[in-house]
């Protein structure tokens, strides 16, 4: 049976488009913006710290940011509890 590995997204700001070739060695490149000069790619969760340090040492890399998507609550319960987001029902419209 195949096991799923935990992955984490990294947003890497780069100075040139040629740096994309070197990023492929560290993980799976999912998106690259030529105009905004950044790339989104995925790395194994177990290797995230090691890979981040290696990427920051590269000459063409300006900054490396972790994706916050796995940390977000998809049900919005935190926002409902704080009062930022309120669920609206048709009965409340009166």
PDB file of N, CA and C in Angstrom:
ATOM      1  N   UNK A   1       0.838  -1.178   0.000  1.00  0.00           N
ATOM      2  CA  UNK A   1       0.000   0.000   0.000  1.00  0.00           C
ATOM      3  C   UNK A   1       0.885   1.244   0.000  1.00  0.00           C
ATOM      4  N   UNK A   2       0.481   2.208  -0.747  1.00  0.00           N
ATOM      5  CA  UNK A   2       1.257   3.438  -0.878  1.00  0.00           C
ATOM      6  C   UNK A   2       0.976   4.389   0.287  1.00  0.00           C
ATOM      7  N   UNK A   3       2.030   4.940   0.874  1.00  0.00           N
ATOM      8  CA  UNK A   3       1.873   5.875   1.981  1.00  0.00           C
ATOM      9  C   UNK A   3       2.036   7.308   1.479  1.00  0.00           C
ATOM     10  N   UNK A   4       1.202   8.196   1.997  1.00  0.00           N
ATOM     11  CA  UNK A   4       1.299   9.604   1.642  1.00  0.00           C
ATOM     12  C   UNK A   4       2.307  10.292   2.538  1.00  0.00           C
ATOM     13  N   UNK A   5       3.184  11.086   1.955  1.00  0.00           N
ATOM     14  CA  UNK A   5       4.143  11.847   2.741  1.00  0.00           C
ATOM     15  C   UNK A   5       3.610  13.255   2.958  1.00  0.00           C
ATOM     16  N   UNK A   6       3.827  13.785   4.144  1.00  0.00           N
ATOM     17  CA  UNK A   6       3.407  15.153   4.439  1.00  0.00           C
ATOM     18  C   UNK A   6       4.300  16.117   3.671  1.00  0.00           C
ATOM     19  N   UNK A   7       3.678  17.073   2.999  1.00  0.00           N
ATOM     20  CA  UNK A   7       4.413  18.056   2.194  1.00  0.00           C
ATOM     21  C   UNK A   7       4.074  19.446   2.694  1.00  0.00           C
ATOM     22  N   UNK A   8       4.959  20.397   2.433  1.00  0.00           N
ATOM     23  CA  UNK A   8       4.748  21.781   2.845  1.00  0.00           C
ATOM     24  C   UNK A   8       5.153  22.678   1.693  1.00  0.00           C
ATOM     25  N   UNK A   9       4.380  23.723   1.445  1.00  0.00           N
ATOM     26  CA  UNK A   9       4.671  24.649   0.373  1.00  0.00           C
ATOM     27  C   UNK A   9       5.680  25.707   0.796  1.00  0.00           C
ATOM     28  N   UNK A  10       6.545  26.080  -0.124  1.00  0.00           N
ATOM     29  CA  UNK A  10       7.506  27.149   0.085  1.00  0.00           C
ATOM     30  C   UNK A  10       7.317  28.188  -1.009  1.00  0.00           C
ATOM     31  N   UNK A  11       7.335  29.454  -0.626  1.00  0.00           N
ATOM     32  CA  UNK A  11       7.289  30.547  -1.590  1.00  0.00           C
ATOM     33  C   UNK A  11       8.680  31.145  -1.628  1.00  0.00           C
ATOM     34  N   UNK A  12       9.310  31.106  -2.789  1.00  0.00           N
ATOM     35  CA  UNK A  12      10.696  31.539  -2.931  1.00  0.00           C
ATOM     36  C   UNK A  12      10.744  32.708  -3.895  1.00  0.00           C
ATOM     37  N   UNK A  13      11.244  33.850  -3.427  1.00  0.00           N
ATOM     38  CA  UNK A  13      11.447  35.008  -4.301  1.00  0.00           C
ATOM     39  C   UNK A  13      12.840  34.901  -4.897  1.00  0.00           C
ATOM     40  N   UNK A  14      12.900  35.031  -6.219  1.00  0.00           N
ATOM     41  CA  UNK A  14      14.163  34.841  -6.923  1.00  0.00           C
ATOM     42  C   UNK A  14      14.494  36.074  -7.739  1.00  0.00           C
ATOM     43  N   UNK A  15      15.765  36.205  -8.096  1.00  0.00           N
ATOM     44  CA  UNK A  15      16.188  37.377  -8.857  1.00  0.00           C
ATOM     45  C   UNK A  15      16.126  37.142 -10.362  1.00  0.00           C
ATOM     46  N   UNK A  16      16.347  35.912 -10.819  1.00  0.00           N
ATOM     47  CA  UNK A  16      16.311  35.617 -12.248  1.00  0.00           C
ATOM     48  C   UNK A  16      15.498  34.355 -12.505  1.00  0.00           C
ATOM     49  N   UNK A  17      15.014  34.234 -13.721  1.00  0.00           N
ATOM     50  CA  UNK A  17      14.238  33.066 -14.105  1.00  0.00           C
ATOM     51  C   UNK A  17      15.068  31.803 -14.219  1.00  0.00           C
ATOM     52  N   UNK A  18      16.351  31.955 -14.405  1.00  0.00           N
ATOM     53  CA  UNK A  18      17.229  30.792 -14.530  1.00  0.00           C
ATOM     54  C   UNK A  18      17.345  30.021 -13.218  1.00  0.00           C
ATOM     55  N   UNK A  19      16.995  30.651 -12.118  1.00  0.00           N
ATOM     56  CA  UNK A  19      17.091  29.992 -10.812  1.00  0.00           C
ATOM     57  C   UNK A  19      16.087  28.855 -10.673  1.00  0.00           C
ATOM     58  N   UNK A  20      15.063  28.843 -11.507  1.00  0.00           N
ATOM     59  CA  UNK A  20      14.048  27.788 -11.447  1.00  0.00           C
ATOM     60  C   UNK A  20      14.675  26.420 -11.684  1.00  0.00           C
ATOM     61  N   UNK A  21      15.630  26.356 -12.572  1.00  0.00           N
ATOM     62  CA  UNK A  21      16.287  25.080 -12.854  1.00  0.00           C
ATOM     63  C   UNK A  21      16.967  24.517 -11.611  1.00  0.00           C
ATOM     64  N   UNK A  22      17.584  25.378 -10.823  1.00  0.00           N
ATOM     65  CA  UNK A  22      18.259  24.903  -9.616  1.00  0.00           C
ATOM     66  C   UNK A  22      17.268  24.564  -8.506  1.00  0.00           C
ATOM     67  N   UNK A  23      16.078  25.178  -8.515  1.00  0.00           N
ATOM     68  CA  UNK A  23      15.075  24.877  -7.493  1.00  0.00           C
ATOM     69  C   UNK A  23      14.470  23.495  -7.678  1.00  0.00           C
ATOM     70  N   UNK A  24      14.453  22.987  -8.878  1.00  0.00           N
ATOM     71  CA  UNK A  24      13.873  21.672  -9.143  1.00  0.00           C
ATOM     72  C   UNK A  24      14.596  20.567  -8.386  1.00  0.00           C
ATOM     73  N   UNK A  25      15.826  20.800  -8.029  1.00  0.00           N
ATOM     74  CA  UNK A  25      16.618  19.815  -7.301  1.00  0.00           C
ATOM     75  C   UNK A  25      16.135  19.653  -5.855  1.00  0.00           C
ATOM     76  N   UNK A  26      15.491  20.678  -5.299  1.00  0.00           N
ATOM     77  CA  UNK A  26      15.089  20.673  -3.896  1.00  0.00           C
ATOM     78  C   UNK A  26      13.644  20.229  -3.662  1.00  0.00           C
ATOM     79  N   UNK A  27      12.789  20.303  -4.668  1.00  0.00           N
ATOM     80  CA  UNK A  27      11.405  19.896  -4.501  1.00  0.00           C
ATOM     81  C   UNK A  27      10.643  19.985  -5.811  1.00  0.00           C
ATOM     82  N   UNK A  28       9.334  19.884  -5.724  1.00  0.00           N
ATOM     83  CA  UNK A  28       8.473  19.924  -6.896  1.00  0.00           C
ATOM     84  C   UNK A  28       7.979  21.341  -7.129  1.00  0.00           C
ATOM     85  N   UNK A  29       8.376  21.950  -8.240  1.00  0.00           N
ATOM     86  CA  UNK A  29       7.949  23.310  -8.578  1.00  0.00           C
ATOM     87  C   UNK A  29       6.534  23.240  -9.135  1.00  0.00           C
ATOM     88  N   UNK A  30       5.587  23.949  -8.490  1.00  0.00           N
ATOM     89  CA  UNK A  30       4.194  23.921  -8.918  1.00  0.00           C
ATOM     90  C   UNK A  30       3.805  25.167  -9.700  1.00  0.00           C
ATOM     91  N   UNK A  31       4.412  26.308  -9.398  1.00  0.00           N
ATOM     92  CA  UNK A  31       4.046  27.540 -10.078  1.00  0.00           C
ATOM     93  C   UNK A  31       5.243  28.468 -10.100  1.00  0.00           C
ATOM     94  N   UNK A  32       5.379  29.190 -11.199  1.00  0.00           N
ATOM     95  CA  UNK A  32       6.445  30.169 -11.319  1.00  0.00           C
ATOM     96  C   UNK A  32       5.897  31.412 -11.997  1.00  0.00           C
ATOM     97  N   UNK A  33       6.080  32.570 -11.381  1.00  0.00           N
ATOM     98  CA  UNK A  33       5.624  33.826 -11.949  1.00  0.00           C
ATOM     99  C   UNK A  33       6.824  34.566 -12.524  1.00  0.00           C
ATOM    100  N   UNK A  34       6.839  34.741 -13.834  1.00  0.00           N
ATOM    101  CA  UNK A  34       7.936  35.471 -14.469  1.00  0.00           C
ATOM    102  C   UNK A  34       7.870  36.961 -14.152  1.00  0.00           C
ATOM    103  N   UNK A  35       6.680  37.475 -14.071  1.00  0.00           N
ATOM    104  CA  UNK A  35       6.514  38.912 -13.830  1.00  0.00           C
ATOM    105  C   UNK A  35       6.845  39.282 -12.380  1.00  0.00           C
ATOM    106  N   UNK A  36       6.382  38.480 -11.418  1.00  0.00           N
ATOM    107  CA  UNK A  36       6.569  38.795 -10.007  1.00  0.00           C
ATOM    108  C   UNK A  36       7.850  38.177  -9.424  1.00  0.00           C
ATOM    109  N   UNK A  37       8.515  37.332 -10.177  1.00  0.00           N
ATOM    110  CA  UNK A  37       9.780  36.696  -9.777  1.00  0.00           C
ATOM    111  C   UNK A  37       9.659  35.900  -8.487  1.00  0.00           C
ATOM    112  N   UNK A  38       8.727  34.973  -8.451  1.00  0.00           N
ATOM    113  CA  UNK A  38       8.633  34.059  -7.322  1.00  0.00           C
ATOM    114  C   UNK A  38       8.184  32.692  -7.821  1.00  0.00           C
ATOM    115  N   UNK A  39       8.444  31.688  -6.989  1.00  0.00           N
ATOM    116  CA  UNK A  39       8.063  30.316  -7.323  1.00  0.00           C
ATOM    117  C   UNK A  39       7.431  29.673  -6.105  1.00  0.00           C
ATOM    118  N   UNK A  40       6.462  28.810  -6.359  1.00  0.00           N
ATOM    119  CA  UNK A  40       5.828  28.036  -5.296  1.00  0.00           C
ATOM    120  C   UNK A  40       6.179  26.583  -5.565  1.00  0.00           C
ATOM    121  N   UNK A  41       6.775  25.942  -4.573  1.00  0.00           N
ATOM    122  CA  UNK A  41       7.043  24.527  -4.742  1.00  0.00           C
ATOM    123  C   UNK A  41       6.898  23.800  -3.421  1.00  0.00           C
ATOM    124  N   UNK A  42       6.815  22.475  -3.506  1.00  0.00           N
ATOM    125  CA  UNK A  42       6.525  21.632  -2.357  1.00  0.00           C
ATOM    126  C   UNK A  42       7.722  20.767  -1.995  1.00  0.00           C
ATOM    127  N   UNK A  43       7.918  20.628  -0.664  1.00  0.00           N
ATOM    128  CA  UNK A  43       9.035  19.871  -0.111  1.00  0.00           C
ATOM    129  C   UNK A  43       8.473  18.941   0.957  1.00  0.00           C
ATOM    130  N   UNK A  44       9.138  17.824   1.208  1.00  0.00           N
ATOM    131  CA  UNK A  44       8.727  16.937   2.288  1.00  0.00           C
ATOM    132  C   UNK A  44       8.809  17.670   3.619  1.00  0.00           C
ATOM    133  N   UNK A  45       7.818  17.435   4.485  1.00  0.00           N
ATOM    134  CA  UNK A  45       7.757  18.115   5.785  1.00  0.00           C
ATOM    135  C   UNK A  45       8.986  17.799   6.641  1.00  0.00           C
ATOM    136  N   UNK A  46       9.523  16.600   6.537  1.00  0.00           N
ATOM    137  CA  UNK A  46      10.676  16.206   7.349  1.00  0.00           C
ATOM    138  C   UNK A  46      11.946  16.955   6.954  1.00  0.00           C
ATOM    139  N   UNK A  47      12.020  17.428   5.713  1.00  0.00           N
ATOM    140  CA  UNK A  47      13.226  18.095   5.218  1.00  0.00           C
ATOM    141  C   UNK A  47      13.061  19.604   5.097  1.00  0.00           C
ATOM    142  N   UNK A  48      12.030  20.189   5.702  1.00  0.00           N
ATOM    143  CA  UNK A  48      11.708  21.591   5.468  1.00  0.00           C
ATOM    144  C   UNK A  48      12.793  22.538   5.990  1.00  0.00           C
ATOM    145  N   UNK A  49      13.324  22.289   7.181  1.00  0.00           N
ATOM    146  CA  UNK A  49      14.349  23.179   7.750  1.00  0.00           C
ATOM    147  C   UNK A  49      15.653  23.082   6.969  1.00  0.00           C
ATOM    148  N   UNK A  50      16.038  21.875   6.633  1.00  0.00           N
ATOM    149  CA  UNK A  50      17.269  21.660   5.872  1.00  0.00           C
ATOM    150  C   UNK A  50      17.187  22.319   4.495  1.00  0.00           C
ATOM    151  N   UNK A  51      16.060  22.155   3.832  1.00  0.00           N
ATOM    152  CA  UNK A  51      15.878  22.718   2.500  1.00  0.00           C
ATOM    153  C   UNK A  51      15.834  24.240   2.545  1.00  0.00           C
ATOM    154  N   UNK A  52      15.193  24.817   3.554  1.00  0.00           N
ATOM    155  CA  UNK A  52      15.112  26.268   3.688  1.00  0.00           C
ATOM    156  C   UNK A  52      16.500  26.869   3.857  1.00  0.00           C
ATOM    157  N   UNK A  53      17.331  26.247   4.667  1.00  0.00           N
ATOM    158  CA  UNK A  53      18.697  26.739   4.860  1.00  0.00           C
ATOM    159  C   UNK A  53      19.499  26.661   3.570  1.00  0.00           C
ATOM    160  N   UNK A  54      19.342  25.570   2.832  1.00  0.00           N
ATOM    161  CA  UNK A  54      20.073  25.411   1.575  1.00  0.00           C
ATOM    162  C   UNK A  54      19.620  26.433   0.542  1.00  0.00           C
ATOM    163  N   UNK A  55      18.312  26.709   0.491  1.00  0.00           N
ATOM    164  CA  UNK A  55      17.800  27.679  -0.470  1.00  0.00           C
ATOM    165  C   UNK A  55      18.278  29.090  -0.151  1.00  0.00           C
ATOM    166  N   UNK A  56      18.341  29.446   1.108  1.00  0.00           N
ATOM    167  CA  UNK A  56      18.779  30.792   1.478  1.00  0.00           C
ATOM    168  C   UNK A  56      20.248  31.032   1.146  1.00  0.00           C
ATOM    169  N   UNK A  57      21.018  29.974   1.005  1.00  0.00           N
ATOM    170  CA  UNK A  57      22.426  30.112   0.645  1.00  0.00           C
ATOM    171  C   UNK A  57      22.628  30.351  -0.846  1.00  0.00           C
ATOM    172  N   UNK A  58      21.626  30.054  -1.662  1.00  0.00           N
ATOM    173  CA  UNK A  58      21.743  30.246  -3.107  1.00  0.00           C
ATOM    174  C   UNK A  58      21.818  31.727  -3.454  1.00  0.00           C
ATOM    175  N   UNK A  59      22.613  32.049  -4.444  1.00  0.00           N
ATOM    176  CA  UNK A  59      22.837  33.441  -4.834  1.00  0.00           C
ATOM    177  C   UNK A  59      21.590  34.091  -5.436  1.00  0.00           C
ATOM    178  N   UNK A  60      20.828  33.344  -6.197  1.00  0.00           N
ATOM    179  CA  UNK A  60      19.672  33.901  -6.902  1.00  0.00           C
ATOM    180  C   UNK A  60      18.425  34.017  -6.026  1.00  0.00           C
ATOM    181  N   UNK A  61      18.434  33.438  -4.837  1.00  0.00           N
ATOM    182  CA  UNK A  61      17.260  33.444  -3.958  1.00  0.00           C
ATOM    183  C   UNK A  61      17.291  34.676  -3.066  1.00  0.00           C
ATOM    184  N   UNK A  62      16.205  35.446  -3.100  1.00  0.00           N
ATOM    185  CA  UNK A  62      16.103  36.640  -2.255  1.00  0.00           C
ATOM    186  C   UNK A  62      15.507  36.323  -0.893  1.00  0.00           C
ATOM    187  N   UNK A  63      14.420  35.547  -0.862  1.00  0.00           N
ATOM    188  CA  UNK A  63      13.809  35.178   0.413  1.00  0.00           C
ATOM    189  C   UNK A  63      13.032  33.874   0.265  1.00  0.00           C
ATOM    190  N   UNK A  64      12.840  33.203   1.399  1.00  0.00           N
ATOM    191  CA  UNK A  64      12.093  31.951   1.452  1.00  0.00           C
ATOM    192  C   UNK A  64      11.038  32.090   2.538  1.00  0.00           C
ATOM    193  N   UNK A  65       9.779  31.803   2.197  1.00  0.00           N
ATOM    194  CA  UNK A  65       8.672  31.910   3.138  1.00  0.00           C
ATOM    195  C   UNK A  65       7.894  30.603   3.147  1.00  0.00           C
ATOM    196  N   UNK A  66       7.535  30.142   4.343  1.00  0.00           N
ATOM    197  CA  UNK A  66       6.700  28.952   4.465  1.00  0.00           C
ATOM    198  C   UNK A  66       5.259  29.279   4.127  1.00  0.00           C
ATOM    199  N   UNK A  67       4.563  28.340   3.534  1.00  0.00           N
ATOM    200  CA  UNK A  67       3.143  28.508   3.257  1.00  0.00           C
ATOM    201  C   UNK A  67       2.358  28.312   4.547  1.00  0.00           C
ATOM    202  N   UNK A  68       1.379  29.174   4.786  1.00  0.00           N
ATOM    203  CA  UNK A  68       0.562  29.093   5.984  1.00  0.00           C
ATOM    204  C   UNK A  68      -0.683  28.234   5.784  1.00  0.00           C
ATOM    205  N   UNK A  69      -0.870  27.698   4.622  1.00  0.00           N
ATOM    206  CA  UNK A  69      -2.092  26.964   4.320  1.00  0.00           C
ATOM    207  C   UNK A  69      -2.349  25.768   5.245  1.00  0.00           C
ATOM    208  N   UNK A  70      -1.347  24.953   5.585  1.00  0.00           N
ATOM    209  CA  UNK A  70      -1.634  23.824   6.486  1.00  0.00           C
ATOM    210  C   UNK A  70      -2.022  24.268   7.895  1.00  0.00           C
ATOM    211  N   UNK A  71      -1.650  25.473   8.291  1.00  0.00           N
ATOM    212  CA  UNK A  71      -1.945  25.963   9.629  1.00  0.00           C
ATOM    213  C   UNK A  71      -3.341  26.560   9.756  1.00  0.00           C
ATOM    214  N   UNK A  72      -3.998  26.849   8.650  1.00  0.00           N
ATOM    215  CA  UNK A  72      -5.314  27.467   8.684  1.00  0.00           C
ATOM    216  C   UNK A  72      -6.409  26.447   8.973  1.00  0.00           C
ATOM    217  N   UNK A  73      -7.438  26.902   9.663  1.00  0.00           N
ATOM    218  CA  UNK A  73      -8.575  26.047   9.973  1.00  0.00           C
ATOM    219  C   UNK A  73      -9.594  26.169   8.838  1.00  0.00           C
ATOM    220  N   UNK A  74      -9.871  25.098   8.108  1.00  0.00           N
ATOM    221  CA  UNK A  74     -10.773  25.203   6.961  1.00  0.00           C
ATOM    222  C   UNK A  74     -12.238  25.417   7.331  1.00  0.00           C
ATOM    223  N   UNK A  75     -12.613  25.206   8.591  1.00  0.00           N
ATOM    224  CA  UNK A  75     -14.012  25.347   8.970  1.00  0.00           C
ATOM    225  C   UNK A  75     -14.353  26.745   9.468  1.00  0.00           C
ATOM    226  N   UNK A  76     -13.375  27.611   9.628  1.00  0.00           N
ATOM    227  CA  UNK A  76     -13.567  28.989  10.086  1.00  0.00           C
ATOM    228  C   UNK A  76     -14.132  29.085  11.496  1.00  0.00           C
ATOM    229  N   UNK A  77     -13.950  28.066  12.305  1.00  0.00           N
ATOM    230  CA  UNK A  77     -14.486  28.117  13.666  1.00  0.00           C
ATOM    231  C   UNK A  77     -13.760  29.148  14.511  1.00  0.00           C
ATOM    232  N   UNK A  78     -12.473  29.346  14.264  1.00  0.00           N
ATOM    233  CA  UNK A  78     -11.737  30.352  15.022  1.00  0.00           C
ATOM    234  C   UNK A  78     -12.274  31.746  14.742  1.00  0.00           C
ATOM    235  N   UNK A  79     -12.610  32.026  13.512  1.00  0.00           N
ATOM    236  CA  UNK A  79     -13.124  33.345  13.165  1.00  0.00           C
ATOM    237  C   UNK A  79     -14.529  33.558  13.724  1.00  0.00           C
ATOM    238  N   UNK A  80     -15.322  32.523  13.769  1.00  0.00           N
ATOM    239  CA  UNK A  80     -16.666  32.641  14.336  1.00  0.00           C
ATOM    240  C   UNK A  80     -16.599  32.894  15.838  1.00  0.00           C
ATOM    241  N   UNK A  81     -15.671  32.258  16.521  1.00  0.00           N
ATOM    242  CA  UNK A  81     -15.549  32.418  17.965  1.00  0.00           C
ATOM    243  C   UNK A  81     -15.076  33.822  18.347  1.00  0.00           C
ATOM    244  N   UNK A  82     -14.207  34.420  17.542  1.00  0.00           N
ATOM    245  CA  UNK A  82     -13.701  35.758  17.856  1.00  0.00           C
ATOM    246  C   UNK A  82     -14.663  36.850  17.416  1.00  0.00           C
ATOM    247  N   UNK A  83     -15.621  36.529  16.580  1.00  0.00           N
ATOM    248  CA  UNK A  83     -16.596  37.516  16.137  1.00  0.00           C
ATOM    249  C   UNK A  83     -16.233  38.220  14.841  1.00  0.00           C
ATOM    250  N   UNK A  84     -15.125  37.836  14.234  1.00  0.00           N
ATOM    251  CA  UNK A  84     -14.723  38.448  12.967  1.00  0.00           C
ATOM    252  C   UNK A  84     -15.656  38.012  11.851  1.00  0.00           C
ATOM    253  N   UNK A  85     -16.026  36.748  11.870  1.00  0.00           N
ATOM    254  CA  UNK A  85     -16.893  36.193  10.843  1.00  0.00           C
ATOM    255  C   UNK A  85     -18.158  35.697  11.516  1.00  0.00           C
ATOM    256  N   UNK A  86     -19.292  36.101  10.999  1.00  0.00           N
ATOM    257  CA  UNK A  86     -20.571  35.651  11.546  1.00  0.00           C
ATOM    258  C   UNK A  86     -21.325  34.899  10.458  1.00  0.00           C
ATOM    259  N   UNK A  87     -21.812  33.728  10.808  1.00  0.00           N
ATOM    260  CA  UNK A  87     -22.604  32.981   9.836  1.00  0.00           C
ATOM    261  C   UNK A  87     -23.988  33.614   9.725  1.00  0.00           C
ATOM    262  N   UNK A  88     -24.476  33.732   8.519  1.00  0.00           N
ATOM    263  CA  UNK A  88     -25.761  34.366   8.276  1.00  0.00           C
ATOM    264  C   UNK A  88     -26.786  33.329   7.847  1.00  0.00           C
ATOM    265  N   UNK A  89     -27.900  33.350   8.481  1.00  0.00           N
ATOM    266  CA  UNK A  89     -29.010  32.485   8.110  1.00  0.00           C
ATOM    267  C   UNK A  89     -30.100  33.328   7.500  1.00  0.00           C
ATOM    268  N   UNK A  90     -31.005  32.696   6.785  1.00  0.00           N
ATOM    269  CA  UNK A  90     -32.120  33.428   6.193  1.00  0.00           C
ATOM    270  C   UNK A  90     -33.055  33.934   7.279  1.00  0.00           C
ATOM    271  N   UNK A  91     -33.105  33.256   8.411  1.00  0.00           N
ATOM    272  CA  UNK A  91     -33.981  33.699   9.503  1.00  0.00           C
ATOM    273  C   UNK A  91     -33.493  34.988  10.152  1.00  0.00           C
ATOM    274  N   UNK A  92     -32.187  35.245  10.087  1.00  0.00           N
ATOM    275  CA  UNK A  92     -31.612  36.429  10.702  1.00  0.00           C
ATOM    276  C   UNK A  92     -31.818  37.698   9.873  1.00  0.00           C
ATOM    277  N   UNK A  93     -32.292  37.571   8.670  1.00  0.00           N
ATOM    278  CA  UNK A  93     -32.433  38.710   7.769  1.00  0.00           C
ATOM    279  C   UNK A  93     -33.628  39.590   8.111  1.00  0.00           C
ATOM    280  N   UNK A  94     -34.495  39.169   8.980  1.00  0.00           N
ATOM    281  CA  UNK A  94     -35.724  39.933   9.289  1.00  0.00           C
ATOM    282  C   UNK A  94     -35.462  41.188   9.961  1.00  0.00           C
TER     283      UNK A  94
END
